[in-house]
Amino acid sequence: MNDTTPQTYLGLDGGGSGCRLAICDRSGRRLAEARGGAANYTSDPDATVRNLRAAIAAAAQEAGLDPAGLANCVAHLGLAGIMDAAQAATLAAAMPCDRVTVTDDRPTTAAGALGDRDGAVAAVGTGSFVAVRRGESLRHFGGWGLRLGDQASGAWLGRSVLERCLLVRDGLAIASALTTALWQRFEDTPARMVAFGATAGPGALAEFAPLVIDAAASGDTQGRALMQAGAKYIESCLAAADLHADEVLCLTGGIGPHYAEYLTPETRQRLCPPQGSALDGALALARAALDGDIAR
């Protein structure tokens, strides 16, 4: 073993609501953990780089890694908003580690939730995607961002409920306690709501999602309609994947588990708790890269 043999590995999970990471030694013991700011590469690549570097620096300090030790750390970053290999390479080059693999957050989420099982993961937080894994094959649905996708996500729920509010104002939808409460937040002024919607990012829109979830749970017609629409999207992804009888479904993210009661009975029978988080998946992929590095 020489001085360049990596002794540590780093896994990182990032999205519109923030990032989190952990550094482990070769035995798997966690040396440090850290959290940081938003890390959606499509939404703001410059802020993503700044936030990741700050979080990695904080974790490295806690782990006692000097610059040389951090440079030698094997890392896997799973981030929302990574759309192609060029973006991944650009981000990897901006990181303080020399051995960095960057993917979007779908492989890390699937690896963490499914472990060694075959099945599907509906990862629904600020954004959303569905991943289906069979052996070494991984198929993705969604993950295209709020402007063109992210159906069922927290940001989608927020945007959709504001849309419902405006439909109510136009007489094209029936008011509910949920839409009435939202109008009060905007002082019953359409211009305020429209101005907010014109500039709000995914994180700001997702702040309305808990209101939708709670309203739906209490029987609010507009809240239930939105949760049912989100569940229908998840079901459509599963139907396209044609899940096998023994394949499981994990609902992850801050929003995902709330869709369980809106799924069909047949789909609910597949539900299994996730074995781990997207951070756990990132660490597993980083560990695999470390083992491969040592074996060479």
Protein backbone atom coordinates (compact mmCIF):
# COMPACT_ATOMS: atom_id res chain seq x y z
CA MET A 1 0.00 0.00 0.00
CA ASN A 2 1.42 3.37 -0.97
CA ASP A 3 0.64 6.94 0.00
CA THR A 4 -1.82 7.36 -2.85
CA THR A 5 -4.01 4.42 -1.81
CA PRO A 6 -7.37 5.97 -0.84
CA GLN A 7 -8.25 5.60 2.83
CA THR A 8 -11.66 7.30 2.87
CA TYR A 9 -14.79 7.60 0.75
CA LEU A 10 -17.51 10.22 0.54
CA GLY A 11 -21.17 9.95 -0.45
CA LEU A 12 -23.35 12.96 -1.16
CA ASP A 13 -27.04 13.39 -1.91
CA GLY A 14 -28.23 16.76 -3.21
CA GLY A 15 -31.42 18.39 -4.43
CA GLY A 16 -33.46 21.54 -4.43
CA SER A 17 -33.96 21.55 -0.67
CA GLY A 18 -30.30 21.05 0.24
CA CYS A 19 -27.49 18.51 0.29
CA ARG A 20 -26.12 16.07 2.85
CA LEU A 21 -22.97 14.01 2.87
CA ALA A 22 -20.92 11.64 4.93
CA ILE A 23 -17.25 10.61 4.93
CA CYS A 24 -16.29 7.08 5.94
CA ASP A 25 -13.02 5.27 6.47
CA ARG A 26 -12.21 1.97 4.75
CA SER A 27 -13.89 -0.01 7.55
CA GLY A 28 -17.19 1.79 6.86
CA ARG A 29 -17.08 3.87 10.03
CA ARG A 30 -18.56 7.34 9.52
CA LEU A 31 -15.97 9.97 10.31
CA ALA A 32 -18.13 13.02 9.61
CA GLU A 33 -21.48 14.20 8.32
CA ALA A 34 -22.55 17.59 7.01
CA ARG A 35 -25.47 19.39 5.43
CA GLY A 36 -25.44 22.25 2.95
CA GLY A 37 -27.51 24.47 0.72
CA ALA A 38 -29.54 23.69 -2.38
CA ALA A 39 -27.83 21.50 -4.96
CA ASN A 40 -29.99 21.24 -8.07
CA TYR A 41 -27.53 21.62 -10.92
CA THR A 42 -30.12 22.59 -13.53
CA SER A 43 -31.69 25.28 -11.35
CA ASP A 44 -28.42 27.00 -10.35
CA PRO A 45 -25.09 25.35 -11.25
CA ASP A 46 -22.93 28.05 -9.68
CA ALA A 47 -24.75 27.93 -6.34
CA THR A 48 -24.62 24.13 -6.46
CA VAL A 49 -20.83 24.16 -6.75
CA ARG A 50 -20.49 26.70 -3.92
CA ASN A 51 -22.83 24.80 -1.62
CA LEU A 52 -21.21 21.44 -2.29
CA ARG A 53 -17.69 22.72 -1.74
CA ALA A 54 -18.73 24.39 1.53
CA ALA A 55 -20.44 21.24 2.82
CA ILE A 56 -17.51 19.02 1.79
CA ALA A 57 -15.04 21.38 3.47
CA ALA A 58 -17.06 21.29 6.70
CA ALA A 59 -17.18 17.49 6.69
CA ALA A 60 -13.48 17.21 5.85
CA GLN A 61 -12.59 19.44 8.78
CA GLU A 62 -14.72 17.34 11.13
CA ALA A 63 -13.11 14.15 9.77
CA GLY A 64 -9.62 15.59 10.23
CA LEU A 65 -8.74 15.43 6.54
CA ASP A 66 -6.12 17.85 5.30
CA PRO A 67 -6.27 19.01 1.64
CA ALA A 68 -4.15 16.07 0.49
CA GLY A 69 -6.34 13.59 2.35
CA LEU A 70 -9.50 15.12 0.92
CA ALA A 71 -8.06 15.07 -2.59
CA ASN A 72 -7.42 11.34 -2.18
CA CYS A 73 -10.94 10.63 -0.92
CA VAL A 74 -13.11 8.60 -3.34
CA ALA A 75 -16.47 10.35 -3.82
CA HIS A 76 -19.84 9.65 -5.39
CA LEU A 77 -22.21 12.61 -5.75
CA GLY A 78 -25.85 12.03 -6.63
CA LEU A 79 -27.52 15.32 -7.53
CA ALA A 80 -30.84 16.45 -8.89
CA GLY A 81 -30.50 18.33 -12.17
CA ILE A 82 -27.54 16.44 -13.66
CA MET A 83 -28.77 15.79 -17.20
CA ASP A 84 -25.76 14.50 -19.12
CA ALA A 85 -22.15 13.37 -18.94
CA ALA A 86 -20.83 16.82 -19.78
CA GLN A 87 -22.55 18.37 -16.77
CA ALA A 88 -21.30 15.54 -14.57
CA ALA A 89 -17.73 16.04 -15.76
CA THR A 90 -17.87 19.81 -15.23
CA LEU A 91 -19.15 19.41 -11.69
CA ALA A 92 -16.63 16.67 -10.86
CA ALA A 93 -13.77 18.91 -12.00
CA ALA A 94 -14.94 21.62 -9.58
CA MET A 95 -14.82 19.34 -6.54
CA PRO A 96 -11.83 19.09 -4.14
CA CYS A 97 -11.58 15.29 -4.52
CA ASP A 98 -9.54 13.78 -7.35
CA ARG A 99 -11.61 10.59 -7.64
CA VAL A 100 -15.19 11.81 -8.14
CA THR A 101 -18.16 10.15 -9.83
CA VAL A 102 -21.19 12.35 -10.44
CA THR A 103 -24.64 11.07 -11.39
CA ASP A 104 -28.13 12.39 -11.05
CA ASP A 105 -29.93 11.33 -7.88
CA ARG A 106 -31.79 8.39 -9.42
CA PRO A 107 -29.02 5.73 -9.14
CA THR A 108 -28.20 6.72 -5.56
CA THR A 109 -31.85 6.74 -4.51
CA ALA A 110 -32.46 3.32 -6.08
CA ALA A 111 -29.31 1.86 -4.52
CA GLY A 112 -30.23 3.16 -1.08
CA ALA A 113 -33.92 2.24 -1.09
CA LEU A 114 -33.83 -1.13 -2.84
CA GLY A 115 -30.58 -2.55 -1.55
CA ASP A 116 -30.21 -5.86 -3.39
CA ARG A 117 -33.93 -6.16 -4.26
CA ASP A 118 -35.55 -5.66 -7.67
CA GLY A 119 -38.42 -3.23 -7.88
CA ALA A 120 -39.38 0.42 -8.09
CA VAL A 121 -38.68 3.58 -6.14
CA ALA A 122 -40.99 6.59 -6.33
CA ALA A 123 -38.78 9.36 -4.98
CA VAL A 124 -40.98 12.35 -4.32
CA GLY A 125 -39.65 15.40 -2.53
CA THR A 126 -39.23 18.92 -3.89
CA GLY A 127 -38.84 17.19 -7.28
CA SER A 128 -39.77 13.68 -8.35
CA PHE A 129 -38.83 10.63 -10.39
CA VAL A 130 -39.58 6.91 -10.51
CA ALA A 131 -36.77 4.38 -10.95
CA VAL A 132 -37.20 0.68 -11.71
CA ARG A 133 -34.29 -1.70 -11.21
CA ARG A 134 -33.94 -5.27 -12.43
CA GLY A 135 -30.51 -6.70 -11.75
CA GLU A 136 -27.98 -4.33 -13.32
CA SER A 137 -30.65 -2.55 -15.39
CA LEU A 138 -32.10 0.75 -14.16
CA ARG A 139 -34.98 2.46 -15.96
CA HIS A 140 -36.00 6.03 -15.11
CA PHE A 141 -39.22 7.98 -15.43
CA GLY A 142 -39.31 11.73 -14.87
CA GLY A 143 -36.71 13.81 -13.12
CA TRP A 144 -36.97 16.53 -15.77
CA GLY A 145 -37.50 19.50 -13.46
CA LEU A 146 -40.57 21.51 -12.56
CA ARG A 147 -40.97 23.43 -15.80
CA LEU A 148 -41.45 20.27 -17.86
CA GLY A 149 -42.13 17.57 -15.30
CA ASP A 150 -41.70 16.65 -11.62
CA GLN A 151 -45.28 15.42 -11.47
CA ALA A 152 -46.50 14.53 -7.96
CA SER A 153 -43.60 16.44 -6.36
CA GLY A 154 -43.84 18.99 -3.59
CA ALA A 155 -43.16 21.79 -6.05
CA TRP A 156 -45.78 20.39 -8.45
CA LEU A 157 -48.34 20.25 -5.62
CA GLY A 158 -47.58 23.87 -4.74
CA ARG A 159 -47.87 25.09 -8.32
CA SER A 160 -50.98 23.01 -8.91
CA VAL A 161 -52.83 24.23 -5.85
CA LEU A 162 -52.19 27.85 -6.83
CA GLU A 163 -53.51 27.01 -10.29
CA ARG A 164 -56.63 25.60 -8.62
CA CYS A 165 -57.03 28.80 -6.66
CA LEU A 166 -57.06 30.84 -9.87
CA LEU A 167 -59.51 28.42 -11.47
CA VAL A 168 -61.78 28.95 -8.47
CA ARG A 169 -61.49 32.73 -8.91
CA ASP A 170 -62.52 32.33 -12.57
CA GLY A 171 -65.52 30.21 -11.62
CA LEU A 172 -64.05 27.09 -13.26
CA ALA A 173 -63.51 25.08 -10.08
CA ILE A 174 -65.30 24.74 -6.76
CA ALA A 175 -63.77 26.43 -3.72
CA SER A 176 -62.65 24.37 -0.75
CA ALA A 177 -61.21 25.13 2.66
CA LEU A 178 -57.75 24.70 1.13
CA THR A 179 -58.20 27.22 -1.66
CA THR A 180 -59.89 29.67 0.72
CA ALA A 181 -56.96 29.45 3.14
CA LEU A 182 -54.47 30.07 0.34
CA TRP A 183 -56.36 33.10 -0.91
CA GLN A 184 -56.14 34.52 2.61
CA ARG A 185 -52.36 34.08 2.51
CA PHE A 186 -52.27 36.25 -0.60
CA GLU A 187 -54.67 38.79 0.89
CA ASP A 188 -57.34 37.72 -1.60
CA THR A 189 -55.40 39.51 -4.34
CA PRO A 190 -54.81 37.70 -7.66
CA ALA A 191 -51.95 40.02 -8.56
CA ARG A 192 -50.04 38.90 -5.46
CA MET A 193 -50.55 35.24 -6.26
CA VAL A 194 -49.55 35.67 -9.90
CA ALA A 195 -46.46 37.70 -8.96
CA PHE A 196 -45.39 35.00 -6.52
CA GLY A 197 -45.92 32.27 -9.09
CA ALA A 198 -43.90 34.16 -11.69
CA THR A 199 -40.74 34.14 -9.59
CA ALA A 200 -41.07 31.25 -7.13
CA GLY A 201 -38.58 28.43 -7.46
CA PRO A 202 -39.26 24.77 -6.70
CA GLY A 203 -38.35 25.13 -3.03
CA ALA A 204 -40.72 28.03 -2.46
CA LEU A 205 -43.57 26.26 -4.23
CA ALA A 206 -42.95 23.06 -2.29
CA GLU A 207 -43.64 24.94 0.95
CA PHE A 208 -47.34 24.70 0.08
CA ALA A 209 -47.25 20.91 -0.25
CA PRO A 210 -47.84 20.17 3.46
CA LEU A 211 -51.03 22.25 3.28
CA VAL A 212 -52.25 20.13 0.38
CA ILE A 213 -51.35 16.88 2.13
CA ASP A 214 -53.07 17.89 5.39
CA ALA A 215 -56.14 19.18 3.56
CA ALA A 216 -56.45 15.94 1.58
CA ALA A 217 -56.15 13.88 4.76
CA SER A 218 -59.06 15.84 6.25
CA GLY A 219 -61.24 15.22 3.17
CA ASP A 220 -60.82 18.54 1.36
CA THR A 221 -62.02 18.01 -2.21
CA GLN A 222 -59.31 20.06 -3.90
CA GLY A 223 -56.57 18.59 -1.74
CA ARG A 224 -57.72 15.04 -2.44
CA ALA A 225 -57.99 15.73 -6.17
CA LEU A 226 -54.36 16.84 -6.28
CA MET A 227 -53.09 13.88 -4.25
CA GLN A 228 -55.09 11.52 -6.46
CA ALA A 229 -53.59 13.12 -9.56
CA GLY A 230 -50.08 12.66 -8.16
CA ALA A 231 -50.79 9.03 -7.29
CA LYS A 232 -52.17 8.44 -10.79
CA TYR A 233 -48.87 9.64 -12.27
CA ILE A 234 -46.91 7.21 -10.08
CA GLU A 235 -49.26 4.40 -11.12
CA SER A 236 -48.73 5.27 -14.80
CA CYS A 237 -44.97 4.92 -14.41
CA LEU A 238 -45.37 1.53 -12.74
CA ALA A 239 -47.74 0.37 -15.46
CA ALA A 240 -45.23 1.38 -18.14
CA ALA A 241 -42.53 -0.59 -16.32
CA ASP A 242 -44.77 -3.68 -16.10
CA LEU A 243 -43.57 -4.70 -12.65
CA HIS A 244 -43.20 -8.40 -12.00
CA ALA A 245 -45.30 -10.04 -9.30
CA ASP A 246 -42.44 -10.24 -6.78
CA GLU A 247 -41.04 -6.72 -7.36
CA VAL A 248 -41.43 -4.21 -4.56
CA LEU A 249 -42.27 -0.50 -4.43
CA CYS A 250 -40.61 1.98 -2.09
CA LEU A 251 -42.01 5.47 -1.55
CA THR A 252 -39.25 7.86 -0.51
CA GLY A 253 -38.67 11.58 -0.03
CA GLY A 254 -40.59 14.01 2.10
CA ILE A 255 -43.74 13.67 -0.02
CA GLY A 256 -43.59 10.11 -1.37
CA PRO A 257 -44.97 8.17 1.63
CA HIS A 258 -48.04 10.42 1.74
CA TYR A 259 -49.21 8.95 -1.57
CA ALA A 260 -49.59 5.43 -0.15
CA GLU A 261 -53.29 5.74 0.69
CA TYR A 262 -54.10 7.10 -2.79
CA LEU A 263 -52.60 4.14 -4.67
CA THR A 264 -54.65 1.17 -5.84
CA PRO A 265 -54.95 -1.81 -3.49
CA GLU A 266 -52.82 -3.89 -5.87
CA THR A 267 -50.02 -1.33 -5.77
CA ARG A 268 -50.22 -0.94 -2.00
CA GLN A 269 -49.52 -4.66 -1.65
CA ARG A 270 -46.08 -4.05 -3.17
CA LEU A 271 -45.10 -1.38 -0.66
CA CYS A 272 -41.97 -2.06 1.36
CA PRO A 273 -39.97 0.29 3.57
CA PRO A 274 -36.80 1.59 1.93
CA GLN A 275 -33.67 -0.16 3.18
CA GLY A 276 -31.76 3.11 3.22
CA SER A 277 -31.61 6.68 2.03
CA ALA A 278 -30.17 8.25 -1.11
CA LEU A 279 -27.15 9.16 1.02
CA ASP A 280 -26.75 5.49 1.91
CA GLY A 281 -26.92 4.72 -1.82
CA ALA A 282 -24.26 7.32 -2.61
CA LEU A 283 -22.02 5.85 0.08
CA ALA A 284 -22.54 2.34 -1.31
CA LEU A 285 -21.56 3.48 -4.80
CA ALA A 286 -18.55 5.39 -3.45
CA ARG A 287 -17.50 2.30 -1.49
CA ALA A 288 -17.75 0.17 -4.64
CA ALA A 289 -15.52 2.68 -6.44
CA LEU A 290 -13.06 2.62 -3.53
CA ASP A 291 -12.89 -1.17 -3.61
CA GLY A 292 -12.29 -1.07 -7.34
CA ASP A 293 -9.56 1.55 -6.89
CA ILE A 294 -7.78 -0.54 -4.25
CA ALA A 295 -8.03 -3.71 -6.37
CA ARG A 296 -6.26 -2.13 -9.33
